[in-house]
């Protein structure tokens, strides 16, 4: 396989991966937007889930 063929194959694989990533992201967004926010809050309460703090402890 020549370097040119290898480069073309790599470019094709990269495009395919980008398309697959875009499709997955679109599905994730759909699921996220269909989520019931009140249900999430209730579930967090039941599980005693606390949002992690991103502030630095000084």
N, C-alpha and C. Protein backbone atom coordinates (compact mmCIF):
# COMPACT_ATOMS: atom_id res chain seq x y z
N UNK A 1 0.86 -1.18 0.00
CA UNK A 1 0.00 0.00 0.00
C UNK A 1 0.90 1.24 0.00
N UNK A 2 0.68 2.12 -0.95
CA UNK A 2 1.51 3.31 -1.04
C UNK A 2 1.10 4.33 0.02
N UNK A 3 1.96 5.32 0.22
CA UNK A 3 1.66 6.36 1.22
C UNK A 3 0.39 7.12 0.84
N UNK A 4 0.16 7.33 -0.43
CA UNK A 4 -1.04 8.04 -0.88
C UNK A 4 -2.28 7.22 -0.57
N UNK A 5 -2.24 5.92 -0.85
CA UNK A 5 -3.38 5.06 -0.54
C UNK A 5 -3.64 5.01 0.95
N UNK A 6 -2.56 4.94 1.72
CA UNK A 6 -2.67 4.91 3.17
C UNK A 6 -3.30 6.21 3.69
N UNK A 7 -2.87 7.34 3.15
CA UNK A 7 -3.42 8.63 3.55
C UNK A 7 -4.91 8.73 3.21
N UNK A 8 -5.28 8.24 2.04
CA UNK A 8 -6.69 8.26 1.64
C UNK A 8 -7.54 7.39 2.57
N UNK A 9 -7.01 6.21 2.89
CA UNK A 9 -7.73 5.29 3.78
C UNK A 9 -7.89 5.92 5.16
N UNK A 10 -6.85 6.54 5.66
CA UNK A 10 -6.91 7.20 6.97
C UNK A 10 -7.92 8.34 6.96
N UNK A 11 -7.93 9.13 5.89
CA UNK A 11 -8.89 10.23 5.78
C UNK A 11 -10.32 9.70 5.75
N UNK A 12 -10.54 8.60 5.03
CA UNK A 12 -11.87 8.00 4.96
C UNK A 12 -12.31 7.49 6.34
N UNK A 13 -11.39 6.83 7.05
CA UNK A 13 -11.70 6.33 8.38
C UNK A 13 -12.03 7.49 9.33
N UNK A 14 -11.28 8.56 9.22
CA UNK A 14 -11.52 9.72 10.08
C UNK A 14 -12.89 10.31 9.82
N UNK A 15 -13.26 10.45 8.54
CA UNK A 15 -14.59 10.96 8.20
C UNK A 15 -15.68 10.06 8.77
N UNK A 16 -15.49 8.75 8.63
CA UNK A 16 -16.47 7.79 9.13
C UNK A 16 -16.62 7.92 10.64
N UNK A 17 -15.50 8.06 11.33
CA UNK A 17 -15.54 8.21 12.79
C UNK A 17 -16.25 9.51 13.19
N UNK A 18 -15.98 10.59 12.45
CA UNK A 18 -16.63 11.87 12.74
C UNK A 18 -18.14 11.77 12.53
N UNK A 19 -18.56 11.09 11.47
CA UNK A 19 -19.98 10.91 11.21
C UNK A 19 -20.63 10.10 12.32
N UNK A 20 -19.98 9.03 12.74
CA UNK A 20 -20.52 8.20 13.81
C UNK A 20 -20.62 8.99 15.11
N UNK A 21 -19.60 9.80 15.40
CA UNK A 21 -19.62 10.63 16.61
C UNK A 21 -20.76 11.63 16.55
N UNK A 22 -20.98 12.25 15.41
CA UNK A 22 -22.07 13.22 15.26
C UNK A 22 -23.42 12.54 15.47
N UNK A 23 -23.58 11.33 14.92
CA UNK A 23 -24.84 10.60 15.09
C UNK A 23 -25.07 10.25 16.56
N UNK A 24 -24.02 9.79 17.24
CA UNK A 24 -24.16 9.46 18.67
C UNK A 24 -24.52 10.70 19.48
N UNK A 25 -23.85 11.81 19.19
CA UNK A 25 -24.13 13.05 19.92
C UNK A 25 -25.57 13.50 19.70
N UNK A 26 -26.07 13.36 18.49
CA UNK A 26 -27.45 13.75 18.20
C UNK A 26 -28.42 12.90 19.01
N UNK A 27 -28.15 11.62 19.13
CA UNK A 27 -29.02 10.74 19.91
C UNK A 27 -28.99 11.09 21.39
N UNK A 28 -27.80 11.39 21.89
CA UNK A 28 -27.66 11.74 23.31
C UNK A 28 -28.44 13.02 23.61
N UNK A 29 -28.35 14.01 22.73
CA UNK A 29 -29.06 15.26 22.94
C UNK A 29 -30.57 15.02 22.95
N UNK A 30 -31.05 14.16 22.05
CA UNK A 30 -32.49 13.87 22.02
C UNK A 30 -32.93 13.29 23.35
N UNK A 31 -32.17 12.31 23.84
CA UNK A 31 -32.52 11.68 25.11
C UNK A 31 -32.50 12.72 26.22
N UNK A 32 -31.48 13.56 26.23
CA UNK A 32 -31.36 14.58 27.28
C UNK A 32 -32.55 15.52 27.26
N UNK A 33 -32.96 15.95 26.07
CA UNK A 33 -34.06 16.91 25.97
C UNK A 33 -35.41 16.28 26.31
N UNK A 34 -35.50 14.96 26.24
CA UNK A 34 -36.75 14.31 26.57
C UNK A 34 -36.84 13.96 28.06
N UNK A 35 -35.80 14.30 28.80
CA UNK A 35 -35.75 13.94 30.22
C UNK A 35 -36.69 14.82 31.03
N UNK A 36 -37.28 14.24 32.03
CA UNK A 36 -38.16 14.96 32.93
C UNK A 36 -37.32 15.57 34.06
N UNK A 37 -37.13 16.90 34.09
CA UNK A 37 -36.27 17.52 35.10
C UNK A 37 -36.75 17.27 36.53
N UNK A 38 -38.06 17.26 36.74
CA UNK A 38 -38.58 17.01 38.09
C UNK A 38 -38.24 15.58 38.53
N UNK A 39 -38.32 14.66 37.58
CA UNK A 39 -37.96 13.27 37.88
C UNK A 39 -36.50 13.13 38.25
N UNK A 40 -35.64 13.89 37.57
CA UNK A 40 -34.21 13.86 37.90
C UNK A 40 -33.99 14.35 39.33
N UNK A 41 -34.64 15.46 39.67
CA UNK A 41 -34.47 16.01 41.01
C UNK A 41 -34.96 15.03 42.07
N UNK A 42 -36.07 14.39 41.80
CA UNK A 42 -36.62 13.42 42.75
C UNK A 42 -35.67 12.23 42.90
N UNK A 43 -35.12 11.76 41.79
CA UNK A 43 -34.18 10.65 41.84
C UNK A 43 -32.93 11.03 42.64
N UNK A 44 -32.42 12.25 42.42
CA UNK A 44 -31.25 12.71 43.18
C UNK A 44 -31.56 12.71 44.68
N UNK A 45 -32.76 13.16 45.04
CA UNK A 45 -33.15 13.19 46.45
C UNK A 45 -33.19 11.78 47.02
N UNK A 46 -33.81 10.87 46.29
CA UNK A 46 -33.93 9.49 46.76
C UNK A 46 -32.55 8.85 46.96
N UNK A 47 -31.62 9.15 46.02
CA UNK A 47 -30.29 8.54 46.08
C UNK A 47 -29.31 9.33 46.93
N UNK A 48 -29.77 10.43 47.54
CA UNK A 48 -28.90 11.33 48.32
C UNK A 48 -27.71 11.80 47.49
N UNK A 49 -27.97 12.11 46.22
CA UNK A 49 -26.91 12.58 45.32
C UNK A 49 -26.69 14.07 45.53
N UNK A 50 -25.42 14.45 45.62
CA UNK A 50 -25.07 15.86 45.78
C UNK A 50 -24.18 16.24 44.61
N UNK A 51 -24.51 17.36 43.96
CA UNK A 51 -23.68 17.84 42.85
C UNK A 51 -22.27 18.11 43.36
N UNK A 52 -21.24 17.64 42.64
CA UNK A 52 -19.88 17.91 43.09
C UNK A 52 -19.56 19.40 42.98
N UNK A 53 -18.80 19.90 43.92
CA UNK A 53 -18.41 21.30 43.91
C UNK A 53 -17.11 21.44 43.11
N UNK A 54 -17.08 22.39 42.20
CA UNK A 54 -15.89 22.60 41.40
C UNK A 54 -15.06 23.76 41.93
N UNK A 55 -15.47 24.32 43.05
CA UNK A 55 -14.71 25.40 43.65
C UNK A 55 -13.51 24.81 44.38
N UNK A 56 -12.40 25.55 44.34
CA UNK A 56 -11.21 25.06 45.01
C UNK A 56 -11.35 25.27 46.51
N UNK A 57 -10.97 24.26 47.28
CA UNK A 57 -10.98 24.42 48.74
C UNK A 57 -9.72 25.16 49.14
N UNK A 58 -9.92 26.29 49.83
CA UNK A 58 -8.76 27.11 50.20
C UNK A 58 -8.45 26.93 51.66
